[in-house]
Amino acid sequence: MENTVPRTVEEVFNDFKGRRAGLIKALTTDVEKFYQSCDPEKENLCLYGLPNETWEVNLPVEEVPPELPEPALGINFARDGMQEKDWLSLVAVHSDSWLLSVAFYFGARFGFGKSERKRLFQMTNDLPTVFEVVTGAAKQARDAAHNNSSKSKSSGKPRLPEPQPKEVKVSPPKMEDESGEEEEEEEEEEQGATLCGACGDNYATDEFWICCDICERWFHGKCVKITPAKAEHIKQYKCPSCSSKRARV
């Protein structure tokens, strides 16, 4: 499938950009053609991004292990079992994972050192992910940053926490039926930082967080088993505590 094999960080990054551009075309401007290519009646199909900024839907290679890491198998089987938007978002998430696996496969194959791997990751990380482009999440994040002083809730979309200046106190709404909640709030006010309602750790900008729309407490996505992809499809998020309360009523 490959004519030339990238061997330097710059060459691997250019290969990454080309494949990424092809995948974005498939999931945005060429979406109708891509949709029709994923016939559920066919065998396991994969979406490939090619270095020349094109894409193809094809069967996986037969040899194991393959020359390059393979994309997610069988994306066509789920096509008619999901909302089209949800299906495209899920394919986008797996496409991001595949892009990184291909880039770091080249890095491992040609002996990239720690500093080269770090530089490669920084270069790839400077670009919005395929998922962010397909769902518009990158634009939403920019808009949220501009409106970080607004307290109004969005239209049911799960929200991400925003970094708080040292002097700003973050105090979630008091929960009268939660013992020890006031102590946690006082601790948050002293630290001037958002704390996870599950583990109590501080907010970190490189971690995914989600806010409960009922009690308005923030949680690490990993603590409540919510990924960015899952959050994208949640209209109103209830944390485990609020969900269990509703169930007992």
C-alpha atoms as a PDB file:
ATOM      1  CA  MET A   1       0.000   0.000   0.000  1.00  0.00           C
ATOM      2  CA  GLU A   2       2.930   2.323   0.645  1.00  0.00           C
ATOM      3  CA  ASN A   3       5.311   3.606  -2.008  1.00  0.00           C
ATOM      4  CA  THR A   4       7.747   5.360   0.307  1.00  0.00           C
ATOM      5  CA  VAL A   5       8.198   4.624   3.986  1.00  0.00           C
ATOM      6  CA  PRO A   6       8.623   7.698   6.240  1.00  0.00           C
ATOM      7  CA  ARG A   7      11.788   7.487   8.337  1.00  0.00           C
ATOM      8  CA  THR A   8      12.188  10.887  10.037  1.00  0.00           C
ATOM      9  CA  VAL A   9       9.898  12.721  12.477  1.00  0.00           C
ATOM     10  CA  GLU A  10       8.994  15.245   9.779  1.00  0.00           C
ATOM     11  CA  GLU A  11       8.244  12.517   7.230  1.00  0.00           C
ATOM     12  CA  VAL A  12       6.095  10.580   9.724  1.00  0.00           C
ATOM     13  CA  PHE A  13       4.218  13.783  10.596  1.00  0.00           C
ATOM     14  CA  ASN A  14       3.584  14.541   6.904  1.00  0.00           C
ATOM     15  CA  ASP A  15       2.301  10.975   6.490  1.00  0.00           C
ATOM     16  CA  PHE A  16       0.045  11.555   9.529  1.00  0.00           C
ATOM     17  CA  LYS A  17      -1.296  14.831   8.091  1.00  0.00           C
ATOM     18  CA  GLY A  18      -2.050  13.243   4.720  1.00  0.00           C
ATOM     19  CA  ARG A  19      -3.920  10.297   6.224  1.00  0.00           C
ATOM     20  CA  ARG A  20      -5.766  12.628   8.626  1.00  0.00           C
ATOM     21  CA  ALA A  21      -6.885  14.878   5.750  1.00  0.00           C
ATOM     22  CA  GLY A  22      -8.194  11.855   3.854  1.00  0.00           C
ATOM     23  CA  LEU A  23     -10.172  10.612   6.868  1.00  0.00           C
ATOM     24  CA  ILE A  24     -11.675  14.060   7.474  1.00  0.00           C
ATOM     25  CA  LYS A  25     -12.802  14.201   3.820  1.00  0.00           C
ATOM     26  CA  ALA A  26     -14.501  10.821   4.167  1.00  0.00           C
ATOM     27  CA  LEU A  27     -16.382  11.911   7.287  1.00  0.00           C
ATOM     28  CA  THR A  28     -17.313  15.444   6.168  1.00  0.00           C
ATOM     29  CA  THR A  29     -17.247  16.539   2.508  1.00  0.00           C
ATOM     30  CA  ASP A  30     -17.423  12.982   1.090  1.00  0.00           C
ATOM     31  CA  VAL A  31     -19.779  11.660   3.758  1.00  0.00           C
ATOM     32  CA  GLU A  32     -22.497  10.487   1.338  1.00  0.00           C
ATOM     33  CA  LYS A  33     -19.993   8.525  -0.719  1.00  0.00           C
ATOM     34  CA  PHE A  34     -18.450   7.096   2.463  1.00  0.00           C
ATOM     35  CA  TYR A  35     -21.887   6.133   3.814  1.00  0.00           C
ATOM     36  CA  GLN A  36     -22.743   4.276   0.609  1.00  0.00           C
ATOM     37  CA  SER A  37     -19.372   2.495   0.657  1.00  0.00           C
ATOM     38  CA  CYS A  38     -20.144   0.939   4.052  1.00  0.00           C
ATOM     39  CA  ASP A  39     -22.789  -1.577   2.985  1.00  0.00           C
ATOM     40  CA  PRO A  40     -23.705  -3.696   6.061  1.00  0.00           C
ATOM     41  CA  GLU A  41     -24.302  -6.669   3.737  1.00  0.00           C
ATOM     42  CA  LYS A  42     -20.594  -6.808   2.862  1.00  0.00           C
ATOM     43  CA  GLU A  43     -17.797  -8.376   4.907  1.00  0.00           C
ATOM     44  CA  ASN A  44     -15.683  -6.616   7.558  1.00  0.00           C
ATOM     45  CA  LEU A  45     -14.765  -3.227   6.102  1.00  0.00           C
ATOM     46  CA  CYS A  46     -12.211  -0.663   7.271  1.00  0.00           C
ATOM     47  CA  LEU A  47     -11.776   3.057   6.598  1.00  0.00           C
ATOM     48  CA  TYR A  48      -8.231   3.837   5.467  1.00  0.00           C
ATOM     49  CA  GLY A  49      -6.717   7.312   5.286  1.00  0.00           C
ATOM     50  CA  LEU A  50      -3.979   7.465   2.650  1.00  0.00           C
ATOM     51  CA  PRO A  51      -0.838   9.663   2.710  1.00  0.00           C
ATOM     52  CA  ASN A  52      -1.960  11.504  -0.445  1.00  0.00           C
ATOM     53  CA  GLU A  53      -4.989  12.988   1.411  1.00  0.00           C
ATOM     54  CA  THR A  54      -7.481  10.484  -0.028  1.00  0.00           C
ATOM     55  CA  TRP A  55      -9.439   7.667   1.620  1.00  0.00           C
ATOM     56  CA  GLU A  56     -10.799   4.247   0.825  1.00  0.00           C
ATOM     57  CA  VAL A  57     -13.123   1.695   2.366  1.00  0.00           C
ATOM     58  CA  ASN A  58     -11.687  -1.764   1.935  1.00  0.00           C
ATOM     59  CA  LEU A  59     -11.257  -5.217   3.421  1.00  0.00           C
ATOM     60  CA  PRO A  60      -8.447  -5.667   5.955  1.00  0.00           C
ATOM     61  CA  VAL A  61      -5.209  -7.171   4.692  1.00  0.00           C
ATOM     62  CA  GLU A  62      -4.884 -10.931   4.945  1.00  0.00           C
ATOM     63  CA  GLU A  63      -1.348 -11.283   6.279  1.00  0.00           C
ATOM     64  CA  VAL A  64      -0.854 -11.264  10.043  1.00  0.00           C
ATOM     65  CA  PRO A  65       0.809  -9.250  11.383  1.00  0.00           C
ATOM     66  CA  PRO A  66       0.053  -6.636   8.728  1.00  0.00           C
ATOM     67  CA  GLU A  67       2.592  -4.211   7.265  1.00  0.00           C
ATOM     68  CA  LEU A  68       0.852  -1.361   9.130  1.00  0.00           C
ATOM     69  CA  PRO A  69      -1.610  -1.363  12.061  1.00  0.00           C
ATOM     70  CA  GLU A  70      -5.146  -1.995  10.801  1.00  0.00           C
ATOM     71  CA  PRO A  71      -8.120   0.385  11.359  1.00  0.00           C
ATOM     72  CA  ALA A  72     -11.230  -0.731  13.258  1.00  0.00           C
ATOM     73  CA  LEU A  73     -12.868  -3.756  11.602  1.00  0.00           C
ATOM     74  CA  GLY A  74     -16.502  -3.991  10.587  1.00  0.00           C
ATOM     75  CA  ILE A  75     -17.496  -0.332  10.754  1.00  0.00           C
ATOM     76  CA  ASN A  76     -20.136  -1.102   8.103  1.00  0.00           C
ATOM     77  CA  PHE A  77     -22.063  -3.504  10.380  1.00  0.00           C
ATOM     78  CA  ALA A  78     -23.121  -0.711  12.747  1.00  0.00           C
ATOM     79  CA  ARG A  79     -24.056   1.758  10.009  1.00  0.00           C
ATOM     80  CA  ASP A  80     -27.814   1.138  10.041  1.00  0.00           C
ATOM     81  CA  GLY A  81     -28.032   0.357  13.750  1.00  0.00           C
ATOM     82  CA  MET A  82     -27.089   3.853  14.929  1.00  0.00           C
ATOM     83  CA  GLN A  83     -27.981   7.453  14.213  1.00  0.00           C
ATOM     84  CA  GLU A  84     -25.772   8.599  11.336  1.00  0.00           C
ATOM     85  CA  LYS A  85     -24.208  11.380  13.435  1.00  0.00           C
ATOM     86  CA  ASP A  86     -23.365   8.925  16.238  1.00  0.00           C
ATOM     87  CA  TRP A  87     -21.949   6.402  13.796  1.00  0.00           C
ATOM     88  CA  LEU A  88     -19.728   8.989  12.103  1.00  0.00           C
ATOM     89  CA  SER A  89     -18.520  10.223  15.511  1.00  0.00           C
ATOM     90  CA  LEU A  90     -17.602   6.690  16.568  1.00  0.00           C
ATOM     91  CA  VAL A  91     -15.735   6.047  13.308  1.00  0.00           C
ATOM     92  CA  ALA A  92     -13.909   9.356  13.852  1.00  0.00           C
ATOM     93  CA  VAL A  93     -12.766   8.279  17.354  1.00  0.00           C
ATOM     94  CA  HIS A  94     -11.377   4.996  16.016  1.00  0.00           C
ATOM     95  CA  SER A  95      -9.760   6.861  13.125  1.00  0.00           C
ATOM     96  CA  ASP A  96      -7.886   9.097  15.594  1.00  0.00           C
ATOM     97  CA  SER A  97      -6.665   6.013  17.440  1.00  0.00           C
ATOM     98  CA  TRP A  98      -5.510   4.437  14.180  1.00  0.00           C
ATOM     99  CA  LEU A  99      -3.645   7.576  13.056  1.00  0.00           C
ATOM    100  CA  LEU A 100      -1.593   7.625  16.249  1.00  0.00           C
ATOM    101  CA  SER A 101      -0.920   3.894  16.089  1.00  0.00           C
ATOM    102  CA  VAL A 102       0.425   4.212  12.528  1.00  0.00           C
ATOM    103  CA  ALA A 103       2.607   7.219  13.418  1.00  0.00           C
ATOM    104  CA  PHE A 104       4.135   5.529  16.450  1.00  0.00           C
ATOM    105  CA  TYR A 105       4.512   2.254  14.563  1.00  0.00           C
ATOM    106  CA  PHE A 106       6.853   4.116  12.213  1.00  0.00           C
ATOM    107  CA  GLY A 107       8.553   5.675  15.227  1.00  0.00           C
ATOM    108  CA  ALA A 108       9.186   2.265  16.794  1.00  0.00           C
ATOM    109  CA  ARG A 109      10.196   0.661  13.514  1.00  0.00           C
ATOM    110  CA  PHE A 110      12.864   3.251  12.807  1.00  0.00           C
ATOM    111  CA  GLY A 111      14.102   3.605  16.374  1.00  0.00           C
ATOM    112  CA  PHE A 112      12.835   7.035  17.380  1.00  0.00           C
ATOM    113  CA  GLY A 113      14.284   8.038  20.753  1.00  0.00           C
ATOM    114  CA  LYS A 114      12.401   9.625  23.634  1.00  0.00           C
ATOM    115  CA  SER A 115      12.908  13.188  22.370  1.00  0.00           C
ATOM    116  CA  GLU A 116      11.840  12.241  18.826  1.00  0.00           C
ATOM    117  CA  ARG A 117       8.699  10.488  20.058  1.00  0.00           C
ATOM    118  CA  LYS A 118       7.857  13.484  22.238  1.00  0.00           C
ATOM    119  CA  ARG A 119       8.351  15.867  19.303  1.00  0.00           C
ATOM    120  CA  LEU A 120       6.193  13.675  17.062  1.00  0.00           C
ATOM    121  CA  PHE A 121       3.406  13.604  19.635  1.00  0.00           C
ATOM    122  CA  GLN A 122       3.563  17.374  20.129  1.00  0.00           C
ATOM    123  CA  MET A 123       3.325  17.916  16.368  1.00  0.00           C
ATOM    124  CA  THR A 124       0.315  15.611  16.019  1.00  0.00           C
ATOM    125  CA  ASN A 125      -1.307  17.032  19.148  1.00  0.00           C
ATOM    126  CA  ASP A 126      -1.188  20.577  17.745  1.00  0.00           C
ATOM    127  CA  LEU A 127      -3.799  19.521  15.165  1.00  0.00           C
ATOM    128  CA  PRO A 128      -7.468  19.084  16.121  1.00  0.00           C
ATOM    129  CA  THR A 129      -8.452  15.422  16.208  1.00  0.00           C
ATOM    130  CA  VAL A 130     -10.640  13.933  13.483  1.00  0.00           C
ATOM    131  CA  PHE A 131     -13.357  13.558  16.125  1.00  0.00           C
ATOM    132  CA  GLU A 132     -13.144  17.241  17.043  1.00  0.00           C
ATOM    133  CA  VAL A 133     -13.412  18.277  13.394  1.00  0.00           C
ATOM    134  CA  VAL A 134     -16.311  15.920  12.627  1.00  0.00           C
ATOM    135  CA  THR A 135     -18.359  16.839  15.706  1.00  0.00           C
ATOM    136  CA  GLY A 136     -17.430  20.516  15.890  1.00  0.00           C
ATOM    137  CA  ALA A 137     -16.025  19.959  19.407  1.00  0.00           C
ATOM    138  CA  ALA A 138     -12.960  22.097  18.673  1.00  0.00           C
ATOM    139  CA  LYS A 139     -15.187  25.095  17.888  1.00  0.00           C
ATOM    140  CA  GLN A 140     -17.300  24.415  20.995  1.00  0.00           C
ATOM    141  CA  ALA A 141     -14.183  24.428  23.172  1.00  0.00           C
ATOM    142  CA  ARG A 142     -13.085  27.785  21.719  1.00  0.00           C
ATOM    143  CA  ASP A 143     -16.552  29.249  22.277  1.00  0.00           C
ATOM    144  CA  ALA A 144     -16.575  27.995  25.879  1.00  0.00           C
ATOM    145  CA  ALA A 145     -13.243  29.688  26.544  1.00  0.00           C
ATOM    146  CA  HIS A 146     -14.678  33.003  25.356  1.00  0.00           C
ATOM    147  CA  ASN A 147     -17.687  32.620  27.643  1.00  0.00           C
ATOM    148  CA  ASN A 148     -15.945  31.362  30.767  1.00  0.00           C
ATOM    149  CA  SER A 149     -17.526  34.105  32.884  1.00  0.00           C
ATOM    150  CA  SER A 150     -21.059  33.007  31.971  1.00  0.00           C
ATOM    151  CA  LYS A 151     -22.922  30.857  34.494  1.00  0.00           C
ATOM    152  CA  SER A 152     -25.799  29.990  32.167  1.00  0.00           C
ATOM    153  CA  LYS A 153     -26.161  26.345  31.283  1.00  0.00           C
ATOM    154  CA  SER A 154     -25.813  25.183  27.695  1.00  0.00           C
ATOM    155  CA  SER A 155     -28.526  23.336  25.816  1.00  0.00           C
ATOM    156  CA  GLY A 156     -28.134  20.124  27.752  1.00  0.00           C
ATOM    157  CA  LYS A 157     -24.647  19.363  26.392  1.00  0.00           C
ATOM    158  CA  PRO A 158     -22.133  17.968  28.911  1.00  0.00           C
ATOM    159  CA  ARG A 159     -19.783  20.769  29.905  1.00  0.00           C
ATOM    160  CA  LEU A 160     -16.041  20.817  30.400  1.00  0.00           C
ATOM    161  CA  PRO A 161     -14.545  22.683  33.370  1.00  0.00           C
ATOM    162  CA  GLU A 162     -12.594  25.836  32.675  1.00  0.00           C
ATOM    163  CA  PRO A 163      -9.302  26.702  34.395  1.00  0.00           C
ATOM    164  CA  GLN A 164      -9.974  29.019  37.333  1.00  0.00           C
ATOM    165  CA  PRO A 165      -7.740  31.977  38.308  1.00  0.00           C
ATOM    166  CA  LYS A 166      -6.231  31.662  41.777  1.00  0.00           C
ATOM    167  CA  GLU A 167      -8.448  34.370  43.241  1.00  0.00           C
ATOM    168  CA  VAL A 168     -11.718  32.950  41.930  1.00  0.00           C
ATOM    169  CA  LYS A 169     -13.520  30.651  44.366  1.00  0.00           C
ATOM    170  CA  VAL A 170     -15.332  27.660  42.941  1.00  0.00           C
ATOM    171  CA  SER A 171     -18.218  26.519  45.105  1.00  0.00           C
ATOM    172  CA  PRO A 172     -20.691  23.965  43.703  1.00  0.00           C
ATOM    173  CA  PRO A 173     -24.332  24.134  44.885  1.00  0.00           C
ATOM    174  CA  LYS A 174     -24.810  22.762  48.421  1.00  0.00           C
ATOM    175  CA  MET A 175     -26.340  19.286  48.672  1.00  0.00           C
ATOM    176  CA  GLU A 176     -28.406  19.277  51.865  1.00  0.00           C
ATOM    177  CA  ASP A 177     -28.783  15.493  51.959  1.00  0.00           C
ATOM    178  CA  GLU A 178     -25.102  14.723  51.423  1.00  0.00           C
ATOM    179  CA  SER A 179     -23.155  14.425  54.702  1.00  0.00           C
ATOM    180  CA  GLY A 180     -19.728  16.015  54.632  1.00  0.00           C
ATOM    181  CA  GLU A 181     -20.512  17.975  51.460  1.00  0.00           C
ATOM    182  CA  GLU A 182     -20.007  21.367  53.124  1.00  0.00           C
ATOM    183  CA  GLU A 183     -16.515  20.363  54.254  1.00  0.00           C
ATOM    184  CA  GLU A 184     -15.644  19.467  50.679  1.00  0.00           C
ATOM    185  CA  GLU A 185     -16.974  22.817  49.464  1.00  0.00           C
ATOM    186  CA  GLU A 186     -14.891  24.693  52.038  1.00  0.00           C
ATOM    187  CA  GLU A 187     -11.830  22.758  50.908  1.00  0.00           C
ATOM    188  CA  GLU A 188     -12.574  23.729  47.315  1.00  0.00           C
ATOM    189  CA  GLU A 189     -12.910  27.392  48.281  1.00  0.00           C
ATOM    190  CA  GLU A 190      -9.573  27.299  50.072  1.00  0.00           C
ATOM    191  CA  GLN A 191      -7.849  25.749  47.073  1.00  0.00           C
ATOM    192  CA  GLY A 192      -9.701  27.867  44.513  1.00  0.00           C
ATOM    193  CA  ALA A 193      -9.881  24.831  42.212  1.00  0.00           C
ATOM    194  CA  THR A 194     -12.487  22.396  40.923  1.00  0.00           C
ATOM    195  CA  LEU A 195     -12.367  19.002  42.639  1.00  0.00           C
ATOM    196  CA  CYS A 196     -13.626  15.702  41.277  1.00  0.00           C
ATOM    197  CA  GLY A 197     -16.826  14.662  43.069  1.00  0.00           C
ATOM    198  CA  ALA A 198     -15.689  11.021  42.960  1.00  0.00           C
ATOM    199  CA  CYS A 199     -11.984  10.956  43.853  1.00  0.00           C
ATOM    200  CA  GLY A 200     -11.505  14.486  45.243  1.00  0.00           C
ATOM    201  CA  ASP A 201      -8.473  15.260  43.072  1.00  0.00           C
ATOM    202  CA  ASN A 202      -7.935  18.691  41.520  1.00  0.00           C
ATOM    203  CA  TYR A 203      -8.895  19.699  38.004  1.00  0.00           C
ATOM    204  CA  ALA A 204      -6.147  19.199  35.435  1.00  0.00           C
ATOM    205  CA  THR A 205      -6.299  20.760  31.976  1.00  0.00           C
ATOM    206  CA  ASP A 206      -5.109  17.578  30.247  1.00  0.00           C
ATOM    207  CA  GLU A 207      -7.918  15.391  31.637  1.00  0.00           C
ATOM    208  CA  PHE A 208     -11.509  14.984  30.426  1.00  0.00           C
ATOM    209  CA  TRP A 209     -14.125  16.173  32.947  1.00  0.00           C
ATOM    210  CA  ILE A 210     -17.919  16.147  32.917  1.00  0.00           C
ATOM    211  CA  CYS A 211     -20.451  18.104  34.991  1.00  0.00           C
ATOM    212  CA  CYS A 212     -23.586  16.560  36.498  1.00  0.00           C
ATOM    213  CA  ASP A 213     -26.623  18.535  35.284  1.00  0.00           C
ATOM    214  CA  ILE A 214     -28.474  17.763  38.536  1.00  0.00           C
ATOM    215  CA  CYS A 215     -26.001  18.567  41.349  1.00  0.00           C
ATOM    216  CA  GLU A 216     -23.544  20.492  39.119  1.00  0.00           C
ATOM    217  CA  ARG A 217     -20.513  18.742  40.586  1.00  0.00           C
ATOM    218  CA  TRP A 218     -17.560  17.971  38.301  1.00  0.00           C
ATOM    219  CA  PHE A 219     -16.128  14.495  37.792  1.00  0.00           C
ATOM    220  CA  HIS A 220     -13.112  12.996  36.040  1.00  0.00           C
ATOM    221  CA  GLY A 221     -14.490  11.134  33.043  1.00  0.00           C
ATOM    222  CA  LYS A 222     -12.417   8.077  34.057  1.00  0.00           C
ATOM    223  CA  CYS A 223     -13.920   8.114  37.584  1.00  0.00           C
ATOM    224  CA  VAL A 224     -17.500   7.831  36.276  1.00  0.00           C
ATOM    225  CA  LYS A 225     -16.604   5.752  33.206  1.00  0.00           C
ATOM    226  CA  ILE A 226     -17.599   8.449  30.688  1.00  0.00           C
ATOM    227  CA  THR A 227     -15.407   9.020  27.626  1.00  0.00           C
ATOM    228  CA  PRO A 228     -15.486  12.161  25.444  1.00  0.00           C
ATOM    229  CA  ALA A 229     -17.177  10.077  22.750  1.00  0.00           C
ATOM    230  CA  LYS A 230     -19.945   8.944  25.144  1.00  0.00           C
ATOM    231  CA  ALA A 231     -20.374  12.463  26.516  1.00  0.00           C
ATOM    232  CA  GLU A 232     -21.009  13.791  23.021  1.00  0.00           C
ATOM    233  CA  HIS A 233     -24.279  11.820  22.904  1.00  0.00           C
ATOM    234  CA  ILE A 234     -25.544  12.556  26.433  1.00  0.00           C
ATOM    235  CA  LYS A 235     -28.265  15.223  26.507  1.00  0.00           C
ATOM    236  CA  GLN A 236     -28.408  15.425  30.321  1.00  0.00           C
ATOM    237  CA  TYR A 237     -25.704  13.812  32.438  1.00  0.00           C
ATOM    238  CA  LYS A 238     -26.548  12.479  35.909  1.00  0.00           C
ATOM    239  CA  CYS A 239     -23.689  11.405  38.162  1.00  0.00           C
ATOM    240  CA  PRO A 240     -23.931   7.975  39.891  1.00  0.00           C
ATOM    241  CA  SER A 241     -25.106   9.598  43.133  1.00  0.00           C
ATOM    242  CA  CYS A 242     -27.965  11.519  41.498  1.00  0.00           C
ATOM    243  CA  SER A 243     -28.921   8.496  39.382  1.00  0.00           C
ATOM    244  CA  SER A 244     -29.179   6.265  42.458  1.00  0.00           C
ATOM    245  CA  LYS A 245     -31.282   8.859  44.301  1.00  0.00           C
ATOM    246  CA  ARG A 246     -33.733   9.009  41.407  1.00  0.00           C
ATOM    247  CA  ALA A 247     -33.920   5.217  41.387  1.00  0.00           C
ATOM    248  CA  ARG A 248     -34.810   5.091  45.101  1.00  0.00           C
ATOM    249  CA  VAL A 249     -37.702   7.549  44.784  1.00  0.00           C
END
